[in-house]
Amino acid sequence: MKIRDIMTRSVVTVEMDDKLSLVKEIFDNSKFHHLLVIDGGKLFGVVSDRDLLKAISPNLGTMVVTYRDLATLNKRVHQIMTRKPITLKPDNSISDAAALFNTHRISCIPVVNDEFQPVGIVSWRDLVKTMLPKPEL
């Protein structure tokens, strides 16, 4: 089975100079955990919801929030993203993805074309789903 068969094709991207307030808004209103960071249409990094939580103040949304806490939302994506992410091509096998997940401490792998433009994303959960038996109808 190929990566193209299990990848999520509709990826959400942000740009390197976008503010973390935008990243927070996207994560607050979606069910996914990774954003691909692009510049000029090419992949430059990945931001996870965990990266965001580490970068912003834990006082946001509380009664003790300060101006300094709010200012953490003005940081830029390039300040917290993982640079030079490990990637796959659509023709790679799911075994290739499993090996990467097993070797590296990552929770997603961007899928790129020959021009290094993102065309999908694979998470370890996508791999697990391929191993589960199909429900009988």
N, C-alpha and C. Protein backbone atom coordinates (compact mmCIF):
# COMPACT_ATOMS: atom_id res chain seq x y z
N MET A 1 0.86 -1.17 0.00
CA MET A 1 0.00 0.00 0.00
C MET A 1 0.90 1.24 0.00
N LYS A 2 0.48 2.25 -0.71
CA LYS A 2 1.26 3.48 -0.85
C LYS A 2 0.73 4.57 0.09
N ILE A 3 1.60 5.53 0.36
CA ILE A 3 1.24 6.68 1.20
C ILE A 3 0.04 7.42 0.63
N ARG A 4 -0.01 7.53 -0.69
CA ARG A 4 -1.14 8.24 -1.32
C ARG A 4 -2.48 7.62 -0.95
N ASP A 5 -2.49 6.33 -0.60
CA ASP A 5 -3.72 5.63 -0.27
C ASP A 5 -4.23 5.95 1.13
N ILE A 6 -3.36 6.44 2.01
CA ILE A 6 -3.78 6.68 3.39
C ILE A 6 -3.62 8.13 3.83
N MET A 7 -2.92 8.95 3.04
CA MET A 7 -2.65 10.32 3.48
C MET A 7 -3.92 11.17 3.46
N THR A 8 -3.90 12.19 4.31
CA THR A 8 -4.95 13.20 4.28
C THR A 8 -4.53 14.22 3.24
N ARG A 9 -5.38 14.42 2.24
CA ARG A 9 -5.02 15.29 1.12
C ARG A 9 -5.30 16.77 1.40
N SER A 10 -6.29 17.05 2.19
CA SER A 10 -6.61 18.45 2.45
C SER A 10 -5.80 18.92 3.66
N VAL A 11 -4.66 19.53 3.38
CA VAL A 11 -3.80 20.01 4.45
C VAL A 11 -4.06 21.50 4.68
N VAL A 12 -3.87 21.92 5.90
CA VAL A 12 -4.01 23.32 6.25
C VAL A 12 -2.59 23.87 6.45
N THR A 13 -2.34 25.00 5.83
CA THR A 13 -1.01 25.58 5.89
C THR A 13 -1.04 26.97 6.51
N VAL A 14 0.10 27.35 7.05
CA VAL A 14 0.32 28.72 7.51
C VAL A 14 1.66 29.15 6.93
N GLU A 15 1.89 30.45 6.98
CA GLU A 15 3.16 30.96 6.48
C GLU A 15 4.08 31.29 7.64
N MET A 16 5.36 31.40 7.36
CA MET A 16 6.36 31.55 8.42
C MET A 16 6.17 32.80 9.26
N ASP A 17 5.64 33.87 8.68
CA ASP A 17 5.47 35.10 9.44
C ASP A 17 4.08 35.28 10.03
N ASP A 18 3.22 34.27 9.90
CA ASP A 18 1.91 34.35 10.55
C ASP A 18 2.08 34.36 12.06
N LYS A 19 1.15 35.03 12.74
CA LYS A 19 1.20 35.12 14.20
C LYS A 19 0.65 33.84 14.83
N LEU A 20 1.10 33.57 16.04
CA LEU A 20 0.60 32.41 16.77
C LEU A 20 -0.88 32.55 17.11
N SER A 21 -1.39 33.78 17.13
CA SER A 21 -2.83 33.96 17.36
C SER A 21 -3.63 33.25 16.25
N LEU A 22 -3.13 33.30 15.01
CA LEU A 22 -3.80 32.59 13.90
C LEU A 22 -3.70 31.08 14.11
N VAL A 23 -2.53 30.61 14.49
CA VAL A 23 -2.35 29.18 14.73
C VAL A 23 -3.29 28.71 15.82
N LYS A 24 -3.38 29.48 16.90
CA LYS A 24 -4.28 29.12 18.00
C LYS A 24 -5.73 29.07 17.54
N GLU A 25 -6.13 30.04 16.75
CA GLU A 25 -7.50 30.07 16.23
C GLU A 25 -7.79 28.83 15.38
N ILE A 26 -6.85 28.45 14.53
CA ILE A 26 -7.04 27.27 13.68
C ILE A 26 -7.18 26.02 14.55
N PHE A 27 -6.27 25.84 15.50
CA PHE A 27 -6.33 24.65 16.36
C PHE A 27 -7.58 24.64 17.23
N ASP A 28 -7.99 25.81 17.70
CA ASP A 28 -9.19 25.88 18.55
C ASP A 28 -10.46 25.50 17.79
N ASN A 29 -10.43 25.66 16.46
CA ASN A 29 -11.64 25.43 15.65
C ASN A 29 -11.53 24.22 14.73
N SER A 30 -10.59 23.33 15.01
CA SER A 30 -10.44 22.15 14.15
C SER A 30 -10.14 20.92 15.00
N LYS A 31 -10.11 19.78 14.33
CA LYS A 31 -9.88 18.52 15.03
C LYS A 31 -8.50 17.94 14.72
N PHE A 32 -7.66 18.67 14.01
CA PHE A 32 -6.35 18.14 13.68
C PHE A 32 -5.29 18.78 14.56
N HIS A 33 -4.06 18.25 14.49
CA HIS A 33 -3.02 18.61 15.44
C HIS A 33 -1.74 19.15 14.82
N HIS A 34 -1.71 19.30 13.48
CA HIS A 34 -0.50 19.75 12.80
C HIS A 34 -0.86 20.72 11.68
N LEU A 35 -0.02 21.74 11.54
CA LEU A 35 -0.12 22.67 10.42
C LEU A 35 1.19 22.62 9.67
N LEU A 36 1.11 22.65 8.35
CA LEU A 36 2.32 22.70 7.54
C LEU A 36 2.68 24.16 7.29
N VAL A 37 3.96 24.47 7.41
CA VAL A 37 4.44 25.83 7.24
C VAL A 37 5.07 25.95 5.86
N ILE A 38 4.55 26.89 5.08
CA ILE A 38 5.04 27.06 3.71
C ILE A 38 5.58 28.47 3.50
N ASP A 39 6.40 28.58 2.48
CA ASP A 39 6.88 29.87 2.00
C ASP A 39 7.04 29.71 0.50
N GLY A 40 6.35 30.52 -0.26
CA GLY A 40 6.39 30.39 -1.71
C GLY A 40 5.85 29.07 -2.21
N GLY A 41 4.91 28.49 -1.46
CA GLY A 41 4.30 27.23 -1.86
C GLY A 41 5.10 26.00 -1.48
N LYS A 42 6.31 26.18 -0.97
CA LYS A 42 7.16 25.05 -0.60
C LYS A 42 7.14 24.83 0.91
N LEU A 43 7.29 23.59 1.31
CA LEU A 43 7.27 23.22 2.72
C LEU A 43 8.57 23.64 3.40
N PHE A 44 8.42 24.32 4.54
CA PHE A 44 9.59 24.71 5.33
C PHE A 44 9.54 24.20 6.76
N GLY A 45 8.36 23.80 7.23
CA GLY A 45 8.29 23.34 8.60
C GLY A 45 6.92 22.79 8.96
N VAL A 46 6.82 22.39 10.23
CA VAL A 46 5.58 21.87 10.80
C VAL A 46 5.39 22.50 12.17
N VAL A 47 4.14 22.84 12.49
CA VAL A 47 3.79 23.32 13.83
C VAL A 47 2.71 22.40 14.36
N SER A 48 2.95 21.87 15.55
CA SER A 48 1.94 21.01 16.19
C SER A 48 1.21 21.79 17.26
N ASP A 49 0.09 21.24 17.70
CA ASP A 49 -0.63 21.88 18.80
C ASP A 49 0.23 21.89 20.07
N ARG A 50 1.09 20.91 20.22
CA ARG A 50 1.99 20.88 21.38
C ARG A 50 3.03 21.99 21.30
N ASP A 51 3.54 22.26 20.09
CA ASP A 51 4.47 23.39 19.91
C ASP A 51 3.81 24.69 20.35
N LEU A 52 2.56 24.86 19.95
CA LEU A 52 1.83 26.07 20.30
C LEU A 52 1.66 26.17 21.82
N LEU A 53 1.25 25.09 22.46
CA LEU A 53 1.03 25.12 23.90
C LEU A 53 2.30 25.45 24.67
N LYS A 54 3.45 25.01 24.16
CA LYS A 54 4.72 25.33 24.81
C LYS A 54 5.09 26.81 24.64
N ALA A 55 4.63 27.43 23.55
CA ALA A 55 5.06 28.79 23.20
C ALA A 55 4.18 29.89 23.77
N ILE A 56 2.93 29.58 24.10
CA ILE A 56 2.03 30.62 24.60
C ILE A 56 1.88 30.52 26.11
N SER A 57 1.44 31.60 26.70
CA SER A 57 1.30 31.65 28.15
C SER A 57 0.16 30.76 28.62
N PRO A 58 0.37 30.04 29.72
CA PRO A 58 -0.72 29.23 30.28
C PRO A 58 -1.81 30.09 30.93
N ASN A 59 -1.54 31.38 31.08
CA ASN A 59 -2.54 32.28 31.69
C ASN A 59 -3.58 32.80 30.70
N LEU A 60 -3.39 32.52 29.42
CA LEU A 60 -4.37 32.99 28.43
C LEU A 60 -5.74 32.40 28.76
N GLY A 61 -6.75 33.25 28.71
CA GLY A 61 -8.11 32.80 28.98
C GLY A 61 -8.46 32.71 30.45
N THR A 62 -7.57 33.20 31.31
CA THR A 62 -7.84 33.17 32.75
C THR A 62 -8.00 34.59 33.28
N MET A 63 -8.38 34.69 34.54
CA MET A 63 -8.57 36.00 35.17
C MET A 63 -7.24 36.70 35.46
N VAL A 64 -6.14 35.98 35.46
CA VAL A 64 -4.85 36.58 35.80
C VAL A 64 -3.99 36.91 34.57
N VAL A 65 -4.60 36.88 33.39
CA VAL A 65 -3.86 37.16 32.16
C VAL A 65 -3.31 38.59 32.19
N THR A 66 -2.08 38.73 31.71
CA THR A 66 -1.43 40.04 31.66
C THR A 66 -1.12 40.41 30.22
N TYR A 67 -0.67 41.62 30.03
CA TYR A 67 -0.26 42.05 28.70
C TYR A 67 0.87 41.16 28.17
N ARG A 68 1.79 40.80 29.05
CA ARG A 68 2.90 39.93 28.65
C ARG A 68 2.37 38.57 28.18
N ASP A 69 1.36 38.06 28.86
CA ASP A 69 0.75 36.79 28.45
C ASP A 69 0.14 36.91 27.05
N LEU A 70 -0.60 37.99 26.83
CA LEU A 70 -1.23 38.21 25.52
C LEU A 70 -0.19 38.38 24.42
N ALA A 71 0.94 38.97 24.78
CA ALA A 71 1.99 39.21 23.78
C ALA A 71 2.57 37.90 23.22
N THR A 72 2.42 36.80 23.94
CA THR A 72 2.94 35.53 23.41
C THR A 72 2.21 35.14 22.12
N LEU A 73 1.01 35.64 21.93
CA LEU A 73 0.26 35.35 20.70
C LEU A 73 0.79 36.12 19.50
N ASN A 74 1.68 37.10 19.75
CA ASN A 74 2.27 37.87 18.66
C ASN A 74 3.55 37.26 18.12
N LYS A 75 4.02 36.20 18.76
CA LYS A 75 5.18 35.50 18.20
C LYS A 75 4.81 35.01 16.81
N ARG A 76 5.83 34.71 16.03
CA ARG A 76 5.63 34.25 14.65
C ARG A 76 5.86 32.74 14.54
N VAL A 77 5.22 32.16 13.56
CA VAL A 77 5.29 30.72 13.33
C VAL A 77 6.74 30.25 13.22
N HIS A 78 7.57 31.00 12.50
CA HIS A 78 8.95 30.55 12.28
C HIS A 78 9.73 30.44 13.59
N GLN A 79 9.23 31.08 14.66
CA GLN A 79 9.92 31.02 15.94
C GLN A 79 9.70 29.70 16.68
N ILE A 80 8.64 28.99 16.34
CA ILE A 80 8.33 27.75 17.08
C ILE A 80 8.25 26.51 16.20
N MET A 81 8.29 26.67 14.89
CA MET A 81 8.09 25.51 14.00
C MET A 81 9.28 24.57 14.04
N THR A 82 9.02 23.34 13.68
CA THR A 82 10.08 22.37 13.44
C THR A 82 10.54 22.58 12.01
N ARG A 83 11.81 22.89 11.86
CA ARG A 83 12.38 23.15 10.54
C ARG A 83 12.87 21.86 9.89
N LYS A 84 12.94 21.90 8.57
CA LYS A 84 13.42 20.76 7.79
C LYS A 84 12.75 19.46 8.22
N PRO A 85 11.43 19.41 8.11
CA PRO A 85 10.72 18.20 8.56
C PRO A 85 11.05 16.99 7.70
N ILE A 86 10.93 15.85 8.31
CA ILE A 86 11.07 14.58 7.60
C ILE A 86 9.84 14.44 6.72
N THR A 87 10.04 14.09 5.46
CA THR A 87 8.93 14.02 4.50
C THR A 87 8.92 12.68 3.76
N LEU A 88 7.81 12.45 3.12
CA LEU A 88 7.63 11.31 2.23
C LEU A 88 7.05 11.80 0.91
N LYS A 89 7.15 10.96 -0.10
CA LYS A 89 6.50 11.20 -1.39
C LYS A 89 5.27 10.30 -1.47
N PRO A 90 4.29 10.66 -2.29
CA PRO A 90 3.08 9.84 -2.39
C PRO A 90 3.33 8.39 -2.76
N ASP A 91 4.42 8.11 -3.49
CA ASP A 91 4.72 6.74 -3.91
C ASP A 91 5.47 5.92 -2.88
N ASN A 92 5.88 6.53 -1.77
CA ASN A 92 6.51 5.76 -0.71
C ASN A 92 5.50 4.75 -0.15
N SER A 93 6.02 3.71 0.46
CA SER A 93 5.14 2.69 1.03
C SER A 93 4.78 3.05 2.47
N ILE A 94 3.74 2.42 2.99
CA ILE A 94 3.39 2.65 4.39
C ILE A 94 4.47 2.06 5.30
N SER A 95 5.22 1.09 4.81
CA SER A 95 6.35 0.57 5.58
C SER A 95 7.41 1.64 5.77
N ASP A 96 7.62 2.48 4.74
CA ASP A 96 8.56 3.59 4.86
C ASP A 96 8.11 4.54 5.97
N ALA A 97 6.82 4.83 6.01
CA ALA A 97 6.29 5.71 7.05
C ALA A 97 6.45 5.08 8.42
N ALA A 98 6.13 3.81 8.54
CA ALA A 98 6.26 3.13 9.83
C ALA A 98 7.71 3.18 10.33
N ALA A 99 8.65 2.99 9.43
CA ALA A 99 10.07 3.04 9.81
C ALA A 99 10.45 4.43 10.31
N LEU A 100 9.94 5.47 9.65
CA LEU A 100 10.25 6.84 10.08
C LEU A 100 9.63 7.14 11.45
N PHE A 101 8.39 6.73 11.65
CA PHE A 101 7.75 6.94 12.95
C PHE A 101 8.50 6.19 14.05
N ASN A 102 9.00 5.02 13.72
CA ASN A 102 9.71 4.21 14.70
C ASN A 102 11.10 4.77 15.02
N THR A 103 11.73 5.42 14.05
CA THR A 103 13.09 5.92 14.20
C THR A 103 13.15 7.31 14.82
N HIS A 104 12.16 8.15 14.51
CA HIS A 104 12.18 9.56 14.93
C HIS A 104 11.02 9.85 15.87
N ARG A 105 11.20 10.84 16.71
CA ARG A 105 10.11 11.25 17.63
C ARG A 105 9.22 12.26 16.92
N ILE A 106 8.40 11.76 16.01
CA ILE A 106 7.49 12.61 15.24
C ILE A 106 6.10 12.01 15.29
N SER A 107 5.11 12.86 15.09
CA SER A 107 3.73 12.36 15.11
C SER A 107 3.02 12.57 13.78
N CYS A 108 3.70 13.23 12.84
CA CYS A 108 3.15 13.35 11.49
C CYS A 108 4.29 13.43 10.50
N ILE A 109 3.98 13.09 9.26
CA ILE A 109 4.96 13.21 8.18
C ILE A 109 4.29 13.92 7.01
N PRO A 110 4.77 15.11 6.65
CA PRO A 110 4.24 15.78 5.46
C PRO A 110 4.58 14.97 4.21
N VAL A 111 3.66 14.98 3.26
CA VAL A 111 3.86 14.32 1.98
C VAL A 111 4.02 15.43 0.94
N VAL A 112 5.13 15.37 0.19
CA VAL A 112 5.45 16.43 -0.76
C VAL A 112 5.66 15.86 -2.16
N ASN A 113 5.49 16.74 -3.15
CA ASN A 113 5.77 16.36 -4.53
C ASN A 113 7.24 16.66 -4.85
N ASP A 114 7.63 16.50 -6.10
CA ASP A 114 9.04 16.71 -6.48
C ASP A 114 9.50 18.15 -6.30
N GLU A 115 8.57 19.10 -6.29
CA GLU A 115 8.91 20.51 -6.09
C GLU A 115 8.88 20.90 -4.61
N PHE A 116 8.72 19.93 -3.74
CA PHE A 116 8.66 20.10 -2.29
C PHE A 116 7.43 20.90 -1.86
N GLN A 117 6.38 20.79 -2.63
CA GLN A 117 5.09 21.40 -2.27
C GLN A 117 4.28 20.34 -1.52
N PRO A 118 3.62 20.74 -0.43
CA PRO A 118 2.83 19.76 0.32
C PRO A 118 1.61 19.29 -0.46
N VAL A 119 1.42 17.98 -0.49
CA VAL A 119 0.25 17.39 -1.17
C VAL A 119 -0.57 16.54 -0.21
N GLY A 120 -0.08 16.37 1.02
CA GLY A 120 -0.79 15.58 2.00
C GLY A 120 -0.02 15.50 3.30
N ILE A 121 -0.59 14.76 4.24
CA ILE A 121 0.05 14.55 5.53
C ILE A 121 -0.38 13.18 6.04
N VAL A 122 0.54 12.51 6.73
CA VAL A 122 0.26 11.19 7.31
C VAL A 122 0.59 11.25 8.79
N SER A 123 -0.31 10.76 9.60
CA SER A 123 -0.05 10.66 11.03
C SER A 123 0.10 9.19 11.39
N TRP A 124 0.63 8.94 12.59
CA TRP A 124 0.76 7.55 13.02
C TRP A 124 -0.62 6.90 13.15
N ARG A 125 -1.63 7.71 13.41
CA ARG A 125 -3.00 7.16 13.49
C ARG A 125 -3.46 6.63 12.14
N ASP A 126 -3.05 7.31 11.06
CA ASP A 126 -3.39 6.82 9.72
C ASP A 126 -2.82 5.42 9.49
N LEU A 127 -1.61 5.19 9.98
CA LEU A 127 -1.00 3.86 9.85
C LEU A 127 -1.77 2.83 10.66
N VAL A 128 -2.14 3.18 11.87
CA VAL A 128 -2.89 2.25 12.72
C VAL A 128 -4.20 1.87 12.06
N LYS A 129 -4.89 2.84 11.46
CA LYS A 129 -6.17 2.55 10.80
C LYS A 129 -6.01 1.52 9.69
N THR A 130 -4.87 1.52 8.99
CA THR A 130 -4.67 0.56 7.90
C THR A 130 -4.51 -0.86 8.43
N MET A 131 -4.11 -0.99 9.68
CA MET A 131 -3.90 -2.31 10.28
C MET A 131 -5.16 -2.91 10.87
N LEU A 132 -6.15 -2.08 11.13
CA LEU A 132 -7.38 -2.59 11.73
C LEU A 132 -8.22 -3.29 10.67
N PRO A 133 -8.91 -4.35 11.06
CA PRO A 133 -9.77 -5.03 10.10
C PRO A 133 -10.94 -4.13 9.69
N LYS A 134 -11.32 -4.25 8.45
CA LYS A 134 -12.46 -3.48 7.94
C LYS A 134 -13.75 -4.03 8.57
N PRO A 135 -14.62 -3.13 9.03
CA PRO A 135 -15.88 -3.62 9.62
C PRO A 135 -16.74 -4.27 8.55
N GLU A 136 -17.39 -5.34 8.93
CA GLU A 136 -18.29 -6.04 7.99
C GLU A 136 -19.61 -5.31 7.94
N LEU A 137 -20.17 -5.22 6.78
CA LEU A 137 -21.44 -4.53 6.58
C LEU A 137 -22.62 -5.46 6.66
